[in-house]
C-alpha atoms as a PDB file:
ATOM      1  CA  UNK A   1      89.915 108.615 108.957  1.00  0.00           C
ATOM      2  CA  UNK A   2      87.176 110.314 106.962  1.00  0.00           C
ATOM      3  CA  UNK A   3      86.594 109.698 103.284  1.00  0.00           C
ATOM      4  CA  UNK A   4      87.443 113.316 102.511  1.00  0.00           C
ATOM      5  CA  UNK A   5      90.842 113.077 104.211  1.00  0.00           C
ATOM      6  CA  UNK A   6      91.599 109.752 102.540  1.00  0.00           C
ATOM      7  CA  UNK A   7      90.752 111.255  99.157  1.00  0.00           C
ATOM      8  CA  UNK A   8      93.017 114.219  99.943  1.00  0.00           C
ATOM      9  CA  UNK A   9      95.925 111.922 100.798  1.00  0.00           C
ATOM     10  CA  UNK A  10      95.442 110.053  97.522  1.00  0.00           C
ATOM     11  CA  UNK A  11      95.366 113.325  95.584  1.00  0.00           C
ATOM     12  CA  UNK A  12      98.815 114.178  96.955  1.00  0.00           C
ATOM     13  CA  UNK A  13     100.259 111.218  95.036  1.00  0.00           C
ATOM     14  CA  UNK A  14      99.289 112.513  91.565  1.00  0.00           C
ATOM     15  CA  UNK A  15      99.409 108.874  90.477  1.00  0.00           C
ATOM     16  CA  UNK A  16     100.021 109.441  86.759  1.00  0.00           C
ATOM     17  CA  UNK A  17     103.453 110.988  87.435  1.00  0.00           C
ATOM     18  CA  UNK A  18     104.868 108.271  89.753  1.00  0.00           C
ATOM     19  CA  UNK A  19     103.398 105.623  87.441  1.00  0.00           C
ATOM     20  CA  UNK A  20     105.255 107.166  84.486  1.00  0.00           C
ATOM     21  CA  UNK A  21     108.507 107.111  86.501  1.00  0.00           C
ATOM     22  CA  UNK A  22     107.967 103.439  87.319  1.00  0.00           C
ATOM     23  CA  UNK A  23     107.240 102.633  83.667  1.00  0.00           C
ATOM     24  CA  UNK A  24     110.530 104.282  82.625  1.00  0.00           C
ATOM     25  CA  UNK A  25     112.385 102.007  85.053  1.00  0.00           C
ATOM     26  CA  UNK A  26     110.721  98.906  83.582  1.00  0.00           C
ATOM     27  CA  UNK A  27     111.586 100.038  80.040  1.00  0.00           C
ATOM     28  CA  UNK A  28     115.189 100.590  81.133  1.00  0.00           C
ATOM     29  CA  UNK A  29     115.238  97.029  82.484  1.00  0.00           C
ATOM     30  CA  UNK A  30     113.791  95.592  79.285  1.00  0.00           C
ATOM     31  CA  UNK A  31     116.243  97.397  77.013  1.00  0.00           C
ATOM     32  CA  UNK A  32     119.283  96.799  79.214  1.00  0.00           C
ATOM     33  CA  UNK A  33     118.522  93.110  79.582  1.00  0.00           C
ATOM     34  CA  UNK A  34     117.416  92.540  76.002  1.00  0.00           C
ATOM     35  CA  UNK A  35     114.532  90.470  77.336  1.00  0.00           C
ATOM     36  CA  UNK A  36     112.151  90.059  80.213  1.00  0.00           C
ATOM     37  CA  UNK A  37     113.423  90.811  83.717  1.00  0.00           C
ATOM     38  CA  UNK A  38     112.303  88.638  86.598  1.00  0.00           C
ATOM     39  CA  UNK A  39     109.021  89.557  88.239  1.00  0.00           C
ATOM     40  CA  UNK A  40     110.925  90.640  91.358  1.00  0.00           C
ATOM     41  CA  UNK A  41     113.186  93.049  89.471  1.00  0.00           C
ATOM     42  CA  UNK A  42     110.344  94.471  87.376  1.00  0.00           C
ATOM     43  CA  UNK A  43     107.977  94.905  90.333  1.00  0.00           C
ATOM     44  CA  UNK A  44     110.649  96.220  92.720  1.00  0.00           C
ATOM     45  CA  UNK A  45     112.017  98.610  90.098  1.00  0.00           C
ATOM     46  CA  UNK A  46     108.569 100.002  89.324  1.00  0.00           C
ATOM     47  CA  UNK A  47     107.582 100.272  92.982  1.00  0.00           C
ATOM     48  CA  UNK A  48     110.886 101.891  93.944  1.00  0.00           C
ATOM     49  CA  UNK A  49     110.624 104.887  91.634  1.00  0.00           C
ATOM     50  CA  UNK A  50     106.852 105.079  91.977  1.00  0.00           C
ATOM     51  CA  UNK A  51     107.373 105.613  95.709  1.00  0.00           C
ATOM     52  CA  UNK A  52     110.354 107.946  95.361  1.00  0.00           C
ATOM     53  CA  UNK A  53     108.494 110.097  92.825  1.00  0.00           C
ATOM     54  CA  UNK A  54     105.350 110.165  94.981  1.00  0.00           C
ATOM     55  CA  UNK A  55     107.367 111.097  98.079  1.00  0.00           C
ATOM     56  CA  UNK A  56     108.973 114.036  96.292  1.00  0.00           C
ATOM     57  CA  UNK A  57     105.652 115.234  94.838  1.00  0.00           C
ATOM     58  CA  UNK A  58     104.163 115.246  98.329  1.00  0.00           C
ATOM     59  CA  UNK A  59     107.186 117.181  99.607  1.00  0.00           C
ATOM     60  CA  UNK A  60     106.668 119.667  96.783  1.00  0.00           C
ATOM     61  CA  UNK A  61     103.167 120.392  98.068  1.00  0.00           C
ATOM     62  CA  UNK A  62     104.503 120.484 101.646  1.00  0.00           C
ATOM     63  CA  UNK A  63     107.069 123.199 100.876  1.00  0.00           C
ATOM     64  CA  UNK A  64     104.749 125.097  98.493  1.00  0.00           C
ATOM     65  CA  UNK A  65     101.788 125.354 100.857  1.00  0.00           C
ATOM     66  CA  UNK A  66     101.979 129.149 101.283  1.00  0.00           C
ATOM     67  CA  UNK A  67     102.205 129.755  97.536  1.00  0.00           C
ATOM     68  CA  UNK A  68      99.376 127.290  96.921  1.00  0.00           C
ATOM     69  CA  UNK A  69      97.154 129.153  99.398  1.00  0.00           C
ATOM     70  CA  UNK A  70      97.098 131.880  96.732  1.00  0.00           C
ATOM     71  CA  UNK A  71      97.519 130.007  93.441  1.00  0.00           C
ATOM     72  CA  UNK A  72      95.811 126.664  94.166  1.00  0.00           C
ATOM     73  CA  UNK A  73      93.753 126.901  97.371  1.00  0.00           C
ATOM     74  CA  UNK A  74      91.730 123.806  96.397  1.00  0.00           C
ATOM     75  CA  UNK A  75      94.720 121.457  96.864  1.00  0.00           C
ATOM     76  CA  UNK A  76      94.646 119.120  99.891  1.00  0.00           C
ATOM     77  CA  UNK A  77      97.174 121.041 102.016  1.00  0.00           C
ATOM     78  CA  UNK A  78      96.098 124.691 101.573  1.00  0.00           C
ATOM     79  CA  UNK A  79      92.433 123.682 101.790  1.00  0.00           C
ATOM     80  CA  UNK A  80      93.070 122.059 105.169  1.00  0.00           C
ATOM     81  CA  UNK A  81      91.853 118.625 104.109  1.00  0.00           C
ATOM     82  CA  UNK A  82      95.321 117.239 104.922  1.00  0.00           C
ATOM     83  CA  UNK A  83      97.601 118.728 107.593  1.00  0.00           C
ATOM     84  CA  UNK A  84     101.302 119.442 107.046  1.00  0.00           C
ATOM     85  CA  UNK A  85     102.184 116.784 109.623  1.00  0.00           C
ATOM     86  CA  UNK A  86     100.096 114.163 107.836  1.00  0.00           C
ATOM     87  CA  UNK A  87     101.638 115.059 104.467  1.00  0.00           C
ATOM     88  CA  UNK A  88     105.166 114.873 105.897  1.00  0.00           C
ATOM     89  CA  UNK A  89     104.468 111.512 107.534  1.00  0.00           C
ATOM     90  CA  UNK A  90     103.041 110.166 104.269  1.00  0.00           C
ATOM     91  CA  UNK A  91     106.054 111.417 102.287  1.00  0.00           C
ATOM     92  CA  UNK A  92     108.549 109.795 104.681  1.00  0.00           C
ATOM     93  CA  UNK A  93     106.604 106.517 104.781  1.00  0.00           C
ATOM     94  CA  UNK A  94     106.378 106.293 101.002  1.00  0.00           C
ATOM     95  CA  UNK A  95     110.084 107.201 100.653  1.00  0.00           C
ATOM     96  CA  UNK A  96     111.049 104.419 103.063  1.00  0.00           C
ATOM     97  CA  UNK A  97     109.053 101.965 100.944  1.00  0.00           C
ATOM     98  CA  UNK A  98     110.980 103.178  97.896  1.00  0.00           C
ATOM     99  CA  UNK A  99     114.341 102.816  99.660  1.00  0.00           C
ATOM    100  CA  UNK A 100     113.445  99.295 100.776  1.00  0.00           C
ATOM    101  CA  UNK A 101     112.443  98.316  97.246  1.00  0.00           C
ATOM    102  CA  UNK A 102     115.713  99.729  95.920  1.00  0.00           C
ATOM    103  CA  UNK A 103     117.728  97.893  98.575  1.00  0.00           C
ATOM    104  CA  UNK A 104     116.290  94.553  97.447  1.00  0.00           C
ATOM    105  CA  UNK A 105     117.837  95.220  94.008  1.00  0.00           C
ATOM    106  CA  UNK A 106     121.359  95.660  95.364  1.00  0.00           C
ATOM    107  CA  UNK A 107     123.672  98.235  96.891  1.00  0.00           C
ATOM    108  CA  UNK A 108     124.234 100.131  93.613  1.00  0.00           C
ATOM    109  CA  UNK A 109     120.481 100.494  93.075  1.00  0.00           C
ATOM    110  CA  UNK A 110     120.009 101.694  96.639  1.00  0.00           C
ATOM    111  CA  UNK A 111     122.706 104.373  96.220  1.00  0.00           C
ATOM    112  CA  UNK A 112     121.066 105.668  93.029  1.00  0.00           C
ATOM    113  CA  UNK A 113     117.677 105.836  94.741  1.00  0.00           C
ATOM    114  CA  UNK A 114     119.149 107.704  97.677  1.00  0.00           C
ATOM    115  CA  UNK A 115     120.942 110.205  95.399  1.00  0.00           C
ATOM    116  CA  UNK A 116     117.795 110.871  93.370  1.00  0.00           C
ATOM    117  CA  UNK A 117     115.672 111.378  96.493  1.00  0.00           C
ATOM    118  CA  UNK A 118     118.232 113.728  98.071  1.00  0.00           C
ATOM    119  CA  UNK A 119     118.414 115.709  94.816  1.00  0.00           C
ATOM    120  CA  UNK A 120     114.632 115.981  94.768  1.00  0.00           C
ATOM    121  CA  UNK A 121     114.519 117.005  98.417  1.00  0.00           C
ATOM    122  CA  UNK A 122     117.130 119.741  97.875  1.00  0.00           C
ATOM    123  CA  UNK A 123     115.166 120.979  94.865  1.00  0.00           C
ATOM    124  CA  UNK A 124     111.922 121.199  96.833  1.00  0.00           C
ATOM    125  CA  UNK A 125     113.590 122.697  99.907  1.00  0.00           C
ATOM    126  CA  UNK A 126     116.061 125.230  98.500  1.00  0.00           C
ATOM    127  CA  UNK A 127     116.846 124.982  94.797  1.00  0.00           C
ATOM    128  CA  UNK A 128     113.453 125.435  93.143  1.00  0.00           C
ATOM    129  CA  UNK A 129     114.104 129.174  92.804  1.00  0.00           C
ATOM    130  CA  UNK A 130     117.689 128.736  91.562  1.00  0.00           C
ATOM    131  CA  UNK A 131     116.657 128.748  87.919  1.00  0.00           C
ATOM    132  CA  UNK A 132     118.708 126.624  85.533  1.00  0.00           C
ATOM    133  CA  UNK A 133     120.326 124.625  88.343  1.00  0.00           C
ATOM    134  CA  UNK A 134     116.894 123.573  89.562  1.00  0.00           C
ATOM    135  CA  UNK A 135     115.781 122.754  85.999  1.00  0.00           C
ATOM    136  CA  UNK A 136     118.838 120.542  85.498  1.00  0.00           C
ATOM    137  CA  UNK A 137     118.240 118.810  88.814  1.00  0.00           C
ATOM    138  CA  UNK A 138     114.695 117.874  87.818  1.00  0.00           C
ATOM    139  CA  UNK A 139     115.883 116.654  84.417  1.00  0.00           C
ATOM    140  CA  UNK A 140     118.619 114.587  86.071  1.00  0.00           C
ATOM    141  CA  UNK A 141     116.116 112.911  88.401  1.00  0.00           C
ATOM    142  CA  UNK A 142     113.782 112.011  85.538  1.00  0.00           C
ATOM    143  CA  UNK A 143     116.577 110.709  83.298  1.00  0.00           C
ATOM    144  CA  UNK A 144     117.968 108.507  86.057  1.00  0.00           C
ATOM    145  CA  UNK A 145     114.847 106.328  85.936  1.00  0.00           C
ATOM    146  CA  UNK A 146     116.230 104.604  82.819  1.00  0.00           C
ATOM    147  CA  UNK A 147     119.732 104.266  84.271  1.00  0.00           C
ATOM    148  CA  UNK A 148     118.238 102.767  87.403  1.00  0.00           C
ATOM    149  CA  UNK A 149     116.497 100.185  85.227  1.00  0.00           C
ATOM    150  CA  UNK A 150     119.855  99.140  83.782  1.00  0.00           C
ATOM    151  CA  UNK A 151     121.417  98.950  87.232  1.00  0.00           C
ATOM    152  CA  UNK A 152     118.484  96.917  88.555  1.00  0.00           C
ATOM    153  CA  UNK A 153     119.160  94.107  86.046  1.00  0.00           C
ATOM    154  CA  UNK A 154     122.939  94.233  86.360  1.00  0.00           C
ATOM    155  CA  UNK A 155     123.688  95.983  83.058  1.00  0.00           C
ATOM    156  CA  UNK A 156     124.279  99.656  83.951  1.00  0.00           C
ATOM    157  CA  UNK A 157     126.324 100.546  80.839  1.00  0.00           C
ATOM    158  CA  UNK A 158     123.894  99.651  78.055  1.00  0.00           C
ATOM    159  CA  UNK A 159     124.243 102.438  75.468  1.00  0.00           C
ATOM    160  CA  UNK A 160     120.581 102.776  74.534  1.00  0.00           C
ATOM    161  CA  UNK A 161     119.579 103.082  78.195  1.00  0.00           C
ATOM    162  CA  UNK A 162     121.976 105.990  78.743  1.00  0.00           C
ATOM    163  CA  UNK A 163     120.888 107.592  75.482  1.00  0.00           C
ATOM    164  CA  UNK A 164     117.229 107.450  76.510  1.00  0.00           C
ATOM    165  CA  UNK A 165     118.193 108.866  79.894  1.00  0.00           C
ATOM    166  CA  UNK A 166     119.928 111.845  78.250  1.00  0.00           C
ATOM    167  CA  UNK A 167     117.071 112.304  75.776  1.00  0.00           C
ATOM    168  CA  UNK A 168     114.508 112.263  78.581  1.00  0.00           C
ATOM    169  CA  UNK A 169     116.601 114.690  80.587  1.00  0.00           C
ATOM    170  CA  UNK A 170     116.639 117.019  77.563  1.00  0.00           C
ATOM    171  CA  UNK A 171     112.874 116.835  77.106  1.00  0.00           C
ATOM    172  CA  UNK A 172     112.260 117.523  80.782  1.00  0.00           C
ATOM    173  CA  UNK A 173     114.781 120.384  80.791  1.00  0.00           C
ATOM    174  CA  UNK A 174     112.989 121.977  77.848  1.00  0.00           C
ATOM    175  CA  UNK A 175     109.631 121.575  79.593  1.00  0.00           C
ATOM    176  CA  UNK A 176     110.941 123.155  82.797  1.00  0.00           C
ATOM    177  CA  UNK A 177     112.427 126.171  80.990  1.00  0.00           C
ATOM    178  CA  UNK A 178     109.262 126.623  78.893  1.00  0.00           C
ATOM    179  CA  UNK A 179     107.031 126.404  81.973  1.00  0.00           C
ATOM    180  CA  UNK A 180     109.128 129.084  83.689  1.00  0.00           C
ATOM    181  CA  UNK A 181     108.782 131.308  80.621  1.00  0.00           C
ATOM    182  CA  UNK A 182     104.999 130.997  80.817  1.00  0.00           C
ATOM    183  CA  UNK A 183     104.977 131.920  84.513  1.00  0.00           C
ATOM    184  CA  UNK A 184     107.610 134.651  84.523  1.00  0.00           C
ATOM    185  CA  UNK A 185     105.477 137.035  86.593  1.00  0.00           C
ATOM    186  CA  UNK A 186     104.953 134.389  89.248  1.00  0.00           C
ATOM    187  CA  UNK A 187     108.700 133.718  89.300  1.00  0.00           C
ATOM    188  CA  UNK A 188     109.426 137.425  89.780  1.00  0.00           C
ATOM    189  CA  UNK A 189     107.032 137.618  92.721  1.00  0.00           C
ATOM    190  CA  UNK A 190     108.588 134.591  94.432  1.00  0.00           C
ATOM    191  CA  UNK A 191     112.174 135.721  93.849  1.00  0.00           C
ATOM    192  CA  UNK A 192     113.064 132.933  91.429  1.00  0.00           C
ATOM    193  CA  UNK A 193     116.187 133.306  89.297  1.00  0.00           C
ATOM    194  CA  UNK A 194     114.727 131.413  86.345  1.00  0.00           C
ATOM    195  CA  UNK A 195     116.036 131.994  82.838  1.00  0.00           C
ATOM    196  CA  UNK A 196     112.769 133.772  82.062  1.00  0.00           C
ATOM    197  CA  UNK A 197     113.454 136.298  84.846  1.00  0.00           C
ATOM    198  CA  UNK A 198     117.117 136.759  83.913  1.00  0.00           C
ATOM    199  CA  UNK A 199     116.790 136.818  80.114  1.00  0.00           C
ATOM    200  CA  UNK A 200     113.127 137.538  79.482  1.00  0.00           C
ATOM    201  CA  UNK A 201     110.364 135.079  78.522  1.00  0.00           C
ATOM    202  CA  UNK A 202     110.995 135.379  74.777  1.00  0.00           C
ATOM    203  CA  UNK A 203     114.677 134.439  74.899  1.00  0.00           C
ATOM    204  CA  UNK A 204     113.990 131.808  77.531  1.00  0.00           C
ATOM    205  CA  UNK A 205     111.356 130.163  75.350  1.00  0.00           C
ATOM    206  CA  UNK A 206     113.832 130.257  72.473  1.00  0.00           C
ATOM    207  CA  UNK A 207     116.318 128.315  74.619  1.00  0.00           C
ATOM    208  CA  UNK A 208     113.606 125.771  75.446  1.00  0.00           C
ATOM    209  CA  UNK A 209     112.809 125.372  71.743  1.00  0.00           C
ATOM    210  CA  UNK A 210     116.526 124.878  71.007  1.00  0.00           C
ATOM    211  CA  UNK A 211     116.695 122.128  73.636  1.00  0.00           C
ATOM    212  CA  UNK A 212     113.654 120.443  72.086  1.00  0.00           C
ATOM    213  CA  UNK A 213     115.272 120.751  68.657  1.00  0.00           C
ATOM    214  CA  UNK A 214     118.449 119.063  69.913  1.00  0.00           C
ATOM    215  CA  UNK A 215     116.366 116.193  71.309  1.00  0.00           C
ATOM    216  CA  UNK A 216     114.579 115.701  67.986  1.00  0.00           C
ATOM    217  CA  UNK A 217     117.832 115.891  65.997  1.00  0.00           C
ATOM    218  CA  UNK A 218     119.495 113.311  68.239  1.00  0.00           C
ATOM    219  CA  UNK A 219     116.605 110.853  68.079  1.00  0.00           C
ATOM    220  CA  UNK A 220     118.077 109.229  64.949  1.00  0.00           C
ATOM    221  CA  UNK A 221     121.281 108.241  66.764  1.00  0.00           C
ATOM    222  CA  UNK A 222     120.081 104.955  68.356  1.00  0.00           C
ATOM    223  CA  UNK A 223     118.842 103.708  64.967  1.00  0.00           C
ATOM    224  CA  UNK A 224     121.990 104.692  63.078  1.00  0.00           C
ATOM    225  CA  UNK A 225     124.132 103.151  65.818  1.00  0.00           C
ATOM    226  CA  UNK A 226     122.078  99.963  65.830  1.00  0.00           C
ATOM    227  CA  UNK A 227     120.982 100.319  69.471  1.00  0.00           C
ATOM    228  CA  UNK A 228     117.284 100.206  68.570  1.00  0.00           C
ATOM    229  CA  UNK A 229     115.535  98.013  66.004  1.00  0.00           C
ATOM    230  CA  UNK A 230     113.394  99.632  63.307  1.00  0.00           C
ATOM    231  CA  UNK A 231     110.022  98.681  64.911  1.00  0.00           C
ATOM    232  CA  UNK A 232     110.775 101.421  67.441  1.00  0.00           C
ATOM    233  CA  UNK A 233     110.975 104.088  64.723  1.00  0.00           C
ATOM    234  CA  UNK A 234     107.244 104.927  64.249  1.00  0.00           C
ATOM    235  CA  UNK A 235     106.632 105.979  67.895  1.00  0.00           C
ATOM    236  CA  UNK A 236     109.846 108.026  67.851  1.00  0.00           C
ATOM    237  CA  UNK A 237     108.814 109.808  64.633  1.00  0.00           C
ATOM    238  CA  UNK A 238     105.376 110.513  66.124  1.00  0.00           C
ATOM    239  CA  UNK A 239     106.936 111.870  69.315  1.00  0.00           C
ATOM    240  CA  UNK A 240     109.330 114.066  67.312  1.00  0.00           C
ATOM    241  CA  UNK A 241     106.414 115.483  65.323  1.00  0.00           C
ATOM    242  CA  UNK A 242     104.535 116.344  68.522  1.00  0.00           C
ATOM    243  CA  UNK A 243     107.625 118.004  70.001  1.00  0.00           C
ATOM    244  CA  UNK A 244     108.192 120.089  66.847  1.00  0.00           C
ATOM    245  CA  UNK A 245     104.530 121.144  66.693  1.00  0.00           C
ATOM    246  CA  UNK A 246     104.438 122.006  70.389  1.00  0.00           C
ATOM    247  CA  UNK A 247     107.737 123.916  70.261  1.00  0.00           C
ATOM    248  CA  UNK A 248     106.471 126.037  67.357  1.00  0.00           C
ATOM    249  CA  UNK A 249     103.310 126.836  69.287  1.00  0.00           C
ATOM    250  CA  UNK A 250     105.275 127.668  72.433  1.00  0.00           C
ATOM    251  CA  UNK A 251     107.251 130.253  70.462  1.00  0.00           C
ATOM    252  CA  UNK A 252     104.045 131.983  69.313  1.00  0.00           C
ATOM    253  CA  UNK A 253     103.079 134.428  72.063  1.00  0.00           C
ATOM    254  CA  UNK A 254      99.682 135.017  70.438  1.00  0.00           C
ATOM    255  CA  UNK A 255      98.521 131.492  71.348  1.00  0.00           C
ATOM    256  CA  UNK A 256      96.675 131.306  74.691  1.00  0.00           C
ATOM    257  CA  UNK A 257      96.999 128.400  77.133  1.00  0.00           C
ATOM    258  CA  UNK A 258     100.416 127.324  75.857  1.00  0.00           C
ATOM    259  CA  UNK A 259     100.826 125.279  79.029  1.00  0.00           C
ATOM    260  CA  UNK A 260      98.745 122.648  77.232  1.00  0.00           C
ATOM    261  CA  UNK A 261     101.560 122.292  74.698  1.00  0.00           C
ATOM    262  CA  UNK A 262     103.979 121.375  77.484  1.00  0.00           C
ATOM    263  CA  UNK A 263     101.458 118.851  78.815  1.00  0.00           C
ATOM    264  CA  UNK A 264     101.099 117.423  75.297  1.00  0.00           C
ATOM    265  CA  UNK A 265     104.845 116.749  75.100  1.00  0.00           C
ATOM    266  CA  UNK A 266     104.802 115.060  78.508  1.00  0.00           C
ATOM    267  CA  UNK A 267     101.750 112.947  77.642  1.00  0.00           C
ATOM    268  CA  UNK A 268     103.173 111.897  74.280  1.00  0.00           C
ATOM    269  CA  UNK A 269     106.479 110.964  75.925  1.00  0.00           C
ATOM    270  CA  UNK A 270     104.637 108.800  78.461  1.00  0.00           C
ATOM    271  CA  UNK A 271     102.713 107.073  75.667  1.00  0.00           C
ATOM    272  CA  UNK A 272     105.964 106.459  73.764  1.00  0.00           C
ATOM    273  CA  UNK A 273     107.456 104.757  76.829  1.00  0.00           C
ATOM    274  CA  UNK A 274     104.437 102.448  77.065  1.00  0.00           C
ATOM    275  CA  UNK A 275     104.621 101.672  73.329  1.00  0.00           C
ATOM    276  CA  UNK A 276     108.337 100.908  73.680  1.00  0.00           C
ATOM    277  CA  UNK A 277     107.528  98.423  76.460  1.00  0.00           C
ATOM    278  CA  UNK A 278     104.912  96.715  74.287  1.00  0.00           C
ATOM    279  CA  UNK A 279     107.346  96.508  71.353  1.00  0.00           C
ATOM    280  CA  UNK A 280     110.070  95.108  73.585  1.00  0.00           C
ATOM    281  CA  UNK A 281     107.662  92.439  74.805  1.00  0.00           C
ATOM    282  CA  UNK A 282     106.508  91.613  71.254  1.00  0.00           C
ATOM    283  CA  UNK A 283     109.842  91.710  69.416  1.00  0.00           C
ATOM    284  CA  UNK A 284     112.218  88.882  70.413  1.00  0.00           C
END
């Protein structure tokens, strides 16, 4: 195998995204358990959703190869660095590793992993152009990382874990709707039934901003309910400020490159997850 092909296979993983999914699982374990999980549960939980996320990202490139030949010809598949057969084999192999890791955590964990992977497969295969249904499916898959963490340590009904799952689902839903609004012409050409196509980019972006607003407004709930200690407040306030700033910019059609505002929300959310893990480790 040449170095160029190996590099192309690695690029298919988009490591920062699977790593973020794995980190969400570990945070879910920490919060559900109220302490440190065993090394096996932490490592298997991280590896499970890292692999499942990577498998689905590779499948996304597999199914999008014709579109990417036009929009992103430098990617490994449309450029010919990696063949479709090699990408499919890699996706299946990585998925099997994720299923095996989930199985070691119990039957309930394995079922959740299987459901999330099937949902992601259906999204990549058929539902990406379905609009809101596809957006909700992506949000569901992302939110389930926290729930999986609770299941992995035997405490699937911890309130704060479910709240974070719903909050994360809301953030991701807002990002998906906003991204569609910024690429409405591309959606029209591909036959997508996104909210931006059905309602127009302006109204669609307004819906995304409303979703972001609901997330920010609800962020006080875990503190008022006593689910989270006050050391967690500063990163939440910072995240809320970034979301509000980004949402205001997304609503301003005069601002170029608003896709960066969506990336900023995602990046800040990933940082908040890492800070939460550090706080959980530091605060007894």
